């Protein structure tokens, strides 16, 4: 049986009309991270999103929403930039 996250996206899928999935990087109990290509800006990005089964879990959603706030303040070549 395939984990829930891996069933959500596949290589070549286009997300939000602008991100082409290159590879699923990882899937866990709460979410999925994919490497993607921003079609319009011609750049590589990583996208993290919650699994649909977690959307009803208020704590998980709140944690997901809080997670990028501290990271957005860090500017380093060794830390991923947060855009959205």
PDB file of N, CA and C in Angstrom:
ATOM      1  N   UNK A   1       0.840  -1.193   0.000  1.00  0.00           N
ATOM      2  CA  UNK A   1       0.000   0.000   0.000  1.00  0.00           C
ATOM      3  C   UNK A   1       0.880   1.249   0.000  1.00  0.00           C
ATOM      4  N   UNK A   2       0.541   2.206  -0.827  1.00  0.00           N
ATOM      5  CA  UNK A   2       1.307   3.436  -0.979  1.00  0.00           C
ATOM      6  C   UNK A   2       0.927   4.420   0.134  1.00  0.00           C
ATOM      7  N   UNK A   3       1.921   5.086   0.775  1.00  0.00           N
ATOM      8  CA  UNK A   3       1.607   6.097   1.779  1.00  0.00           C
ATOM      9  C   UNK A   3       0.743   7.193   1.186  1.00  0.00           C
ATOM     10  N   UNK A   4      -0.120   7.771   2.018  1.00  0.00           N
ATOM     11  CA  UNK A   4      -1.070   8.789   1.561  1.00  0.00           C
ATOM     12  C   UNK A   4      -0.400   9.927   0.802  1.00  0.00           C
ATOM     13  N   UNK A   5       0.720  10.436   1.316  1.00  0.00           N
ATOM     14  CA  UNK A   5       1.393  11.568   0.692  1.00  0.00           C
ATOM     15  C   UNK A   5       1.897  11.275  -0.703  1.00  0.00           C
ATOM     16  N   UNK A   6       2.386  10.064  -0.918  1.00  0.00           N
ATOM     17  CA  UNK A   6       2.923   9.714  -2.234  1.00  0.00           C
ATOM     18  C   UNK A   6       1.831   9.554  -3.271  1.00  0.00           C
ATOM     19  N   UNK A   7       0.614   9.309  -2.828  1.00  0.00           N
ATOM     20  CA  UNK A   7      -0.505   9.181  -3.758  1.00  0.00           C
ATOM     21  C   UNK A   7      -1.022  10.551  -4.201  1.00  0.00           C
ATOM     22  N   UNK A   8      -0.657  11.608  -3.476  1.00  0.00           N
ATOM     23  CA  UNK A   8      -1.175  12.943  -3.772  1.00  0.00           C
ATOM     24  C   UNK A   8      -0.542  13.586  -4.992  1.00  0.00           C
ATOM     25  N   UNK A   9       0.753  13.436  -5.136  1.00  0.00           N
ATOM     26  CA  UNK A   9       1.468  14.104  -6.225  1.00  0.00           C
ATOM     27  C   UNK A   9       2.427  13.147  -6.903  1.00  0.00           C
ATOM     28  N   UNK A  10       2.654  13.424  -8.182  1.00  0.00           N
ATOM     29  CA  UNK A  10       3.599  12.619  -8.966  1.00  0.00           C
ATOM     30  C   UNK A  10       4.447  13.547  -9.807  1.00  0.00           C
ATOM     31  N   UNK A  11       5.585  13.046 -10.229  1.00  0.00           N
ATOM     32  CA  UNK A  11       6.440  13.808 -11.133  1.00  0.00           C
ATOM     33  C   UNK A  11       5.618  14.257 -12.336  1.00  0.00           C
ATOM     34  N   UNK A  12       5.806  15.503 -12.725  1.00  0.00           N
ATOM     35  CA  UNK A  12       5.102  16.039 -13.881  1.00  0.00           C
ATOM     36  C   UNK A  12       3.801  16.743 -13.544  1.00  0.00           C
ATOM     37  N   UNK A  13       3.229  16.488 -12.367  1.00  0.00           N
ATOM     38  CA  UNK A  13       2.012  17.198 -11.970  1.00  0.00           C
ATOM     39  C   UNK A  13       2.294  18.695 -11.909  1.00  0.00           C
ATOM     40  N   UNK A  14       1.321  19.514 -12.275  1.00  0.00           N
ATOM     41  CA  UNK A  14       1.450  20.963 -12.165  1.00  0.00           C
ATOM     42  C   UNK A  14       0.530  21.426 -11.046  1.00  0.00           C
ATOM     43  N   UNK A  15       1.127  22.082 -10.052  1.00  0.00           N
ATOM     44  CA  UNK A  15       0.395  22.568  -8.889  1.00  0.00           C
ATOM     45  C   UNK A  15       0.142  24.060  -9.016  1.00  0.00           C
ATOM     46  N   UNK A  16      -1.071  24.482  -8.696  1.00  0.00           N
ATOM     47  CA  UNK A  16      -1.462  25.900  -8.726  1.00  0.00           C
ATOM     48  C   UNK A  16      -1.195  26.541 -10.080  1.00  0.00           C
ATOM     49  N   UNK A  17      -1.138  25.745 -11.126  1.00  0.00           N
ATOM     50  CA  UNK A  17      -0.943  26.259 -12.471  1.00  0.00           C
ATOM     51  C   UNK A  17       0.451  26.798 -12.761  1.00  0.00           C
ATOM     52  N   UNK A  18       1.402  26.645 -11.792  1.00  0.00           N
ATOM     53  CA  UNK A  18       2.716  27.225 -12.039  1.00  0.00           C
ATOM     54  C   UNK A  18       3.896  26.424 -11.523  1.00  0.00           C
ATOM     55  N   UNK A  19       3.672  25.398 -10.741  1.00  0.00           N
ATOM     56  CA  UNK A  19       4.776  24.602 -10.206  1.00  0.00           C
ATOM     57  C   UNK A  19       4.720  23.189 -10.765  1.00  0.00           C
ATOM     58  N   UNK A  20       5.728  22.787 -11.535  1.00  0.00           N
ATOM     59  CA  UNK A  20       5.782  21.424 -12.067  1.00  0.00           C
ATOM     60  C   UNK A  20       6.600  20.568 -11.108  1.00  0.00           C
ATOM     61  N   UNK A  21       5.982  19.506 -10.592  1.00  0.00           N
ATOM     62  CA  UNK A  21       6.645  18.627  -9.630  1.00  0.00           C
ATOM     63  C   UNK A  21       7.741  17.847 -10.336  1.00  0.00           C
ATOM     64  N   UNK A  22       8.953  17.939  -9.793  1.00  0.00           N
ATOM     65  CA  UNK A  22      10.083  17.190 -10.329  1.00  0.00           C
ATOM     66  C   UNK A  22      10.274  15.879  -9.576  1.00  0.00           C
ATOM     67  N   UNK A  23      10.066  15.925  -8.258  1.00  0.00           N
ATOM     68  CA  UNK A  23      10.320  14.743  -7.453  1.00  0.00           C
ATOM     69  C   UNK A  23       9.673  14.895  -6.081  1.00  0.00           C
ATOM     70  N   UNK A  24       9.125  13.819  -5.559  1.00  0.00           N
ATOM     71  CA  UNK A  24       8.652  13.825  -4.176  1.00  0.00           C
ATOM     72  C   UNK A  24       9.882  13.587  -3.303  1.00  0.00           C
ATOM     73  N   UNK A  25      10.182  14.549  -2.430  1.00  0.00           N
ATOM     74  CA  UNK A  25      11.367  14.450  -1.578  1.00  0.00           C
ATOM     75  C   UNK A  25      11.107  13.655  -0.312  1.00  0.00           C
ATOM     76  N   UNK A  26       9.895  13.776   0.196  1.00  0.00           N
ATOM     77  CA  UNK A  26       9.590  13.051   1.421  1.00  0.00           C
ATOM     78  C   UNK A  26       8.128  13.153   1.780  1.00  0.00           C
ATOM     79  N   UNK A  27       7.696  12.177   2.552  1.00  0.00           N
ATOM     80  CA  UNK A  27       6.315  12.132   3.003  1.00  0.00           C
ATOM     81  C   UNK A  27       6.313  11.605   4.425  1.00  0.00           C
ATOM     82  N   UNK A  28       5.581  12.270   5.288  1.00  0.00           N
ATOM     83  CA  UNK A  28       5.512  11.836   6.672  1.00  0.00           C
ATOM     84  C   UNK A  28       4.078  11.746   7.134  1.00  0.00           C
ATOM     85  N   UNK A  29       3.908  11.699   8.432  1.00  0.00           N
ATOM     86  CA  UNK A  29       2.580  11.558   9.006  1.00  0.00           C
ATOM     87  C   UNK A  29       1.705  12.776   8.825  1.00  0.00           C
ATOM     88  N   UNK A  30       2.325  13.949   8.613  1.00  0.00           N
ATOM     89  CA  UNK A  30       1.547  15.182   8.499  1.00  0.00           C
ATOM     90  C   UNK A  30       1.572  15.805   7.116  1.00  0.00           C
ATOM     91  N   UNK A  31       2.627  15.580   6.354  1.00  0.00           N
ATOM     92  CA  UNK A  31       2.711  16.296   5.092  1.00  0.00           C
ATOM     93  C   UNK A  31       3.648  15.685   4.077  1.00  0.00           C
ATOM     94  N   UNK A  32       3.805  16.416   2.986  1.00  0.00           N
ATOM     95  CA  UNK A  32       4.624  15.991   1.853  1.00  0.00           C
ATOM     96  C   UNK A  32       5.482  17.179   1.423  1.00  0.00           C
ATOM     97  N   UNK A  33       6.730  16.897   1.034  1.00  0.00           N
ATOM     98  CA  UNK A  33       7.617  17.922   0.479  1.00  0.00           C
ATOM     99  C   UNK A  33       8.027  17.463  -0.917  1.00  0.00           C
ATOM    100  N   UNK A  34       7.892  18.384  -1.879  1.00  0.00           N
ATOM    101  CA  UNK A  34       8.271  18.059  -3.250  1.00  0.00           C
ATOM    102  C   UNK A  34       9.274  19.077  -3.772  1.00  0.00           C
ATOM    103  N   UNK A  35      10.146  18.637  -4.665  1.00  0.00           N
ATOM    104  CA  UNK A  35      10.990  19.541  -5.442  1.00  0.00           C
ATOM    105  C   UNK A  35      10.181  19.875  -6.680  1.00  0.00           C
ATOM    106  N   UNK A  36      10.143  21.152  -7.023  1.00  0.00           N
ATOM    107  CA  UNK A  36       9.337  21.574  -8.165  1.00  0.00           C
ATOM    108  C   UNK A  36      10.060  22.663  -8.938  1.00  0.00           C
ATOM    109  N   UNK A  37       9.532  22.949 -10.101  1.00  0.00           N
ATOM    110  CA  UNK A  37      10.072  23.994 -10.967  1.00  0.00           C
ATOM    111  C   UNK A  37       8.988  25.039 -11.156  1.00  0.00           C
ATOM    112  N   UNK A  38       9.288  26.281 -10.794  1.00  0.00           N
ATOM    113  CA  UNK A  38       8.339  27.375 -11.030  1.00  0.00           C
ATOM    114  C   UNK A  38       8.413  27.687 -12.515  1.00  0.00           C
ATOM    115  N   UNK A  39       7.367  27.388 -13.225  1.00  0.00           N
ATOM    116  CA  UNK A  39       7.360  27.486 -14.680  1.00  0.00           C
ATOM    117  C   UNK A  39       7.587  28.926 -15.160  1.00  0.00           C
ATOM    118  N   UNK A  40       6.891  29.877 -14.577  1.00  0.00           N
ATOM    119  CA  UNK A  40       6.987  31.263 -15.030  1.00  0.00           C
ATOM    120  C   UNK A  40       8.290  31.938 -14.682  1.00  0.00           C
ATOM    121  N   UNK A  41       8.872  31.596 -13.543  1.00  0.00           N
ATOM    122  CA  UNK A  41      10.109  32.237 -13.100  1.00  0.00           C
ATOM    123  C   UNK A  41      11.352  31.422 -13.410  1.00  0.00           C
ATOM    124  N   UNK A  42      11.167  30.236 -13.953  1.00  0.00           N
ATOM    125  CA  UNK A  42      12.266  29.345 -14.320  1.00  0.00           C
ATOM    126  C   UNK A  42      13.244  29.145 -13.164  1.00  0.00           C
ATOM    127  N   UNK A  43      12.704  28.709 -12.033  1.00  0.00           N
ATOM    128  CA  UNK A  43      13.539  28.468 -10.866  1.00  0.00           C
ATOM    129  C   UNK A  43      13.047  27.246 -10.106  1.00  0.00           C
ATOM    130  N   UNK A  44      13.959  26.619  -9.368  1.00  0.00           N
ATOM    131  CA  UNK A  44      13.606  25.442  -8.575  1.00  0.00           C
ATOM    132  C   UNK A  44      13.116  25.880  -7.204  1.00  0.00           C
ATOM    133  N   UNK A  45      12.113  25.187  -6.720  1.00  0.00           N
ATOM    134  CA  UNK A  45      11.540  25.461  -5.406  1.00  0.00           C
ATOM    135  C   UNK A  45      11.228  24.149  -4.711  1.00  0.00           C
ATOM    136  N   UNK A  46      11.021  24.240  -3.421  1.00  0.00           N
ATOM    137  CA  UNK A  46      10.502  23.111  -2.655  1.00  0.00           C
ATOM    138  C   UNK A  46       9.141  23.541  -2.127  1.00  0.00           C
ATOM    139  N   UNK A  47       8.198  22.627  -2.147  1.00  0.00           N
ATOM    140  CA  UNK A  47       6.850  22.923  -1.675  1.00  0.00           C
ATOM    141  C   UNK A  47       6.490  21.901  -0.611  1.00  0.00           C
ATOM    142  N   UNK A  48       6.008  22.404   0.507  1.00  0.00           N
ATOM    143  CA  UNK A  48       5.558  21.537   1.596  1.00  0.00           C
ATOM    144  C   UNK A  48       4.071  21.781   1.793  1.00  0.00           C
ATOM    145  N   UNK A  49       3.309  20.698   1.925  1.00  0.00           N
ATOM    146  CA  UNK A  49       1.896  20.869   2.191  1.00  0.00           C
ATOM    147  C   UNK A  49       1.385  19.765   3.090  1.00  0.00           C
ATOM    148  N   UNK A  50       0.282  20.068   3.769  1.00  0.00           N
ATOM    149  CA  UNK A  50      -0.334  19.112   4.683  1.00  0.00           C
ATOM    150  C   UNK A  50      -1.089  18.043   3.912  1.00  0.00           C
ATOM    151  N   UNK A  51      -1.143  16.878   4.509  1.00  0.00           N
ATOM    152  CA  UNK A  51      -1.972  15.811   3.947  1.00  0.00           C
ATOM    153  C   UNK A  51      -3.436  16.167   4.174  1.00  0.00           C
ATOM    154  N   UNK A  52      -4.313  15.803   3.254  1.00  0.00           N
ATOM    155  CA  UNK A  52      -5.735  16.092   3.437  1.00  0.00           C
ATOM    156  C   UNK A  52      -6.291  15.536   4.747  1.00  0.00           C
ATOM    157  N   UNK A  53      -5.786  14.415   5.181  1.00  0.00           N
ATOM    158  CA  UNK A  53      -6.275  13.813   6.427  1.00  0.00           C
ATOM    159  C   UNK A  53      -5.933  14.650   7.659  1.00  0.00           C
ATOM    160  N   UNK A  54      -5.002  15.596   7.543  1.00  0.00           N
ATOM    161  CA  UNK A  54      -4.599  16.439   8.664  1.00  0.00           C
ATOM    162  C   UNK A  54      -5.361  17.758   8.720  1.00  0.00           C
ATOM    163  N   UNK A  55      -6.102  18.080   7.684  1.00  0.00           N
ATOM    164  CA  UNK A  55      -6.774  19.376   7.629  1.00  0.00           C
ATOM    165  C   UNK A  55      -7.824  19.558   8.709  1.00  0.00           C
ATOM    166  N   UNK A  56      -8.362  18.480   9.227  1.00  0.00           N
ATOM    167  CA  UNK A  56      -9.343  18.561  10.307  1.00  0.00           C
ATOM    168  C   UNK A  56      -8.708  18.617  11.686  1.00  0.00           C
ATOM    169  N   UNK A  57      -7.396  18.512  11.757  1.00  0.00           N
ATOM    170  CA  UNK A  57      -6.675  18.529  13.025  1.00  0.00           C
ATOM    171  C   UNK A  57      -6.190  19.955  13.285  1.00  0.00           C
ATOM    172  N   UNK A  58      -6.881  20.662  14.180  1.00  0.00           N
ATOM    173  CA  UNK A  58      -6.562  22.073  14.442  1.00  0.00           C
ATOM    174  C   UNK A  58      -5.117  22.278  14.874  1.00  0.00           C
ATOM    175  N   UNK A  59      -4.616  21.383  15.718  1.00  0.00           N
ATOM    176  CA  UNK A  59      -3.237  21.519  16.200  1.00  0.00           C
ATOM    177  C   UNK A  59      -2.235  21.384  15.049  1.00  0.00           C
ATOM    178  N   UNK A  60      -2.475  20.436  14.172  1.00  0.00           N
ATOM    179  CA  UNK A  60      -1.577  20.224  13.039  1.00  0.00           C
ATOM    180  C   UNK A  60      -1.604  21.424  12.096  1.00  0.00           C
ATOM    181  N   UNK A  61      -2.777  21.957  11.833  1.00  0.00           N
ATOM    182  CA  UNK A  61      -2.902  23.119  10.945  1.00  0.00           C
ATOM    183  C   UNK A  61      -2.214  24.330  11.569  1.00  0.00           C
ATOM    184  N   UNK A  62      -2.413  24.550  12.863  1.00  0.00           N
ATOM    185  CA  UNK A  62      -1.779  25.679  13.549  1.00  0.00           C
ATOM    186  C   UNK A  62      -0.257  25.537  13.529  1.00  0.00           C
ATOM    187  N   UNK A  63       0.231  24.351  13.749  1.00  0.00           N
ATOM    188  CA  UNK A  63       1.682  24.112  13.727  1.00  0.00           C
ATOM    189  C   UNK A  63       2.244  24.380  12.328  1.00  0.00           C
ATOM    190  N   UNK A  64       1.531  23.907  11.317  1.00  0.00           N
ATOM    191  CA  UNK A  64       1.961  24.111   9.929  1.00  0.00           C
ATOM    192  C   UNK A  64       2.013  25.604   9.599  1.00  0.00           C
ATOM    193  N   UNK A  65       1.036  26.364  10.076  1.00  0.00           N
ATOM    194  CA  UNK A  65       0.987  27.801   9.812  1.00  0.00           C
ATOM    195  C   UNK A  65       2.068  28.563  10.583  1.00  0.00           C
ATOM    196  N   UNK A  66       2.432  28.082  11.770  1.00  0.00           N
ATOM    197  CA  UNK A  66       3.475  28.739  12.566  1.00  0.00           C
ATOM    198  C   UNK A  66       4.883  28.427  12.065  1.00  0.00           C
ATOM    199  N   UNK A  67       5.064  27.257  11.498  1.00  0.00           N
ATOM    200  CA  UNK A  67       6.392  26.754  11.137  1.00  0.00           C
ATOM    201  C   UNK A  67       7.247  27.711  10.306  1.00  0.00           C
ATOM    202  N   UNK A  68       6.722  28.363   9.281  1.00  0.00           N
ATOM    203  CA  UNK A  68       7.600  29.203   8.448  1.00  0.00           C
ATOM    204  C   UNK A  68       7.928  30.566   9.041  1.00  0.00           C
ATOM    205  N   UNK A  69       7.206  31.003  10.047  1.00  0.00           N
ATOM    206  CA  UNK A  69       7.416  32.371  10.563  1.00  0.00           C
ATOM    207  C   UNK A  69       8.841  32.625  11.037  1.00  0.00           C
ATOM    208  N   UNK A  70       9.436  31.773  11.871  1.00  0.00           N
ATOM    209  CA  UNK A  70      10.832  32.043  12.268  1.00  0.00           C
ATOM    210  C   UNK A  70      11.808  31.883  11.092  1.00  0.00           C
ATOM    211  N   UNK A  71      11.536  30.936  10.217  1.00  0.00           N
ATOM    212  CA  UNK A  71      12.449  30.662   9.098  1.00  0.00           C
ATOM    213  C   UNK A  71      12.510  31.819   8.113  1.00  0.00           C
ATOM    214  N   UNK A  72      11.455  32.573   7.967  1.00  0.00           N
ATOM    215  CA  UNK A  72      11.427  33.660   6.993  1.00  0.00           C
ATOM    216  C   UNK A  72      12.412  34.771   7.369  1.00  0.00           C
ATOM    217  N   UNK A  73      12.769  34.848   8.648  1.00  0.00           N
ATOM    218  CA  UNK A  73      13.698  35.881   9.107  1.00  0.00           C
ATOM    219  C   UNK A  73      15.170  35.506   8.897  1.00  0.00           C
ATOM    220  N   UNK A  74      15.422  34.248   8.581  1.00  0.00           N
ATOM    221  CA  UNK A  74      16.796  33.784   8.424  1.00  0.00           C
ATOM    222  C   UNK A  74      17.251  33.993   6.988  1.00  0.00           C
ATOM    223  N   UNK A  75      18.356  34.659   6.822  1.00  0.00           N
ATOM    224  CA  UNK A  75      18.929  34.827   5.488  1.00  0.00           C
ATOM    225  C   UNK A  75      20.312  34.200   5.487  1.00  0.00           C
ATOM    226  N   UNK A  76      20.407  33.072   4.839  1.00  0.00           N
ATOM    227  CA  UNK A  76      21.663  32.332   4.763  1.00  0.00           C
ATOM    228  C   UNK A  76      21.633  31.455   3.524  1.00  0.00           C
ATOM    229  N   UNK A  77      22.783  31.255   2.938  1.00  0.00           N
ATOM    230  CA  UNK A  77      22.846  30.363   1.787  1.00  0.00           C
ATOM    231  C   UNK A  77      22.560  28.916   2.172  1.00  0.00           C
ATOM    232  N   UNK A  78      22.550  28.618   3.458  1.00  0.00           N
ATOM    233  CA  UNK A  78      22.353  27.249   3.948  1.00  0.00           C
ATOM    234  C   UNK A  78      20.925  26.976   4.423  1.00  0.00           C
ATOM    235  N   UNK A  79      20.069  27.998   4.349  1.00  0.00           N
ATOM    236  CA  UNK A  79      18.689  27.866   4.810  1.00  0.00           C
ATOM    237  C   UNK A  79      17.758  28.201   3.652  1.00  0.00           C
ATOM    238  N   UNK A  80      16.763  27.372   3.457  1.00  0.00           N
ATOM    239  CA  UNK A  80      15.787  27.628   2.381  1.00  0.00           C
ATOM    240  C   UNK A  80      15.020  28.904   2.657  1.00  0.00           C
ATOM    241  N   UNK A  81      14.824  29.691   1.617  1.00  0.00           N
ATOM    242  CA  UNK A  81      14.016  30.912   1.744  1.00  0.00           C
ATOM    243  C   UNK A  81      12.551  30.551   1.709  1.00  0.00           C
ATOM    244  N   UNK A  82      11.766  31.250   2.506  1.00  0.00           N
ATOM    245  CA  UNK A  82      10.328  31.033   2.552  1.00  0.00           C
ATOM    246  C   UNK A  82       9.658  32.158   1.771  1.00  0.00           C
ATOM    247  N   UNK A  83       8.798  31.782   0.827  1.00  0.00           N
ATOM    248  CA  UNK A  83       8.121  32.764   0.005  1.00  0.00           C
ATOM    249  C   UNK A  83       6.652  32.905   0.342  1.00  0.00           C
ATOM    250  N   UNK A  84       6.004  31.794   0.653  1.00  0.00           N
ATOM    251  CA  UNK A  84       4.553  31.827   0.798  1.00  0.00           C
ATOM    252  C   UNK A  84       4.128  30.746   1.755  1.00  0.00           C
TER     253      UNK A  84
END
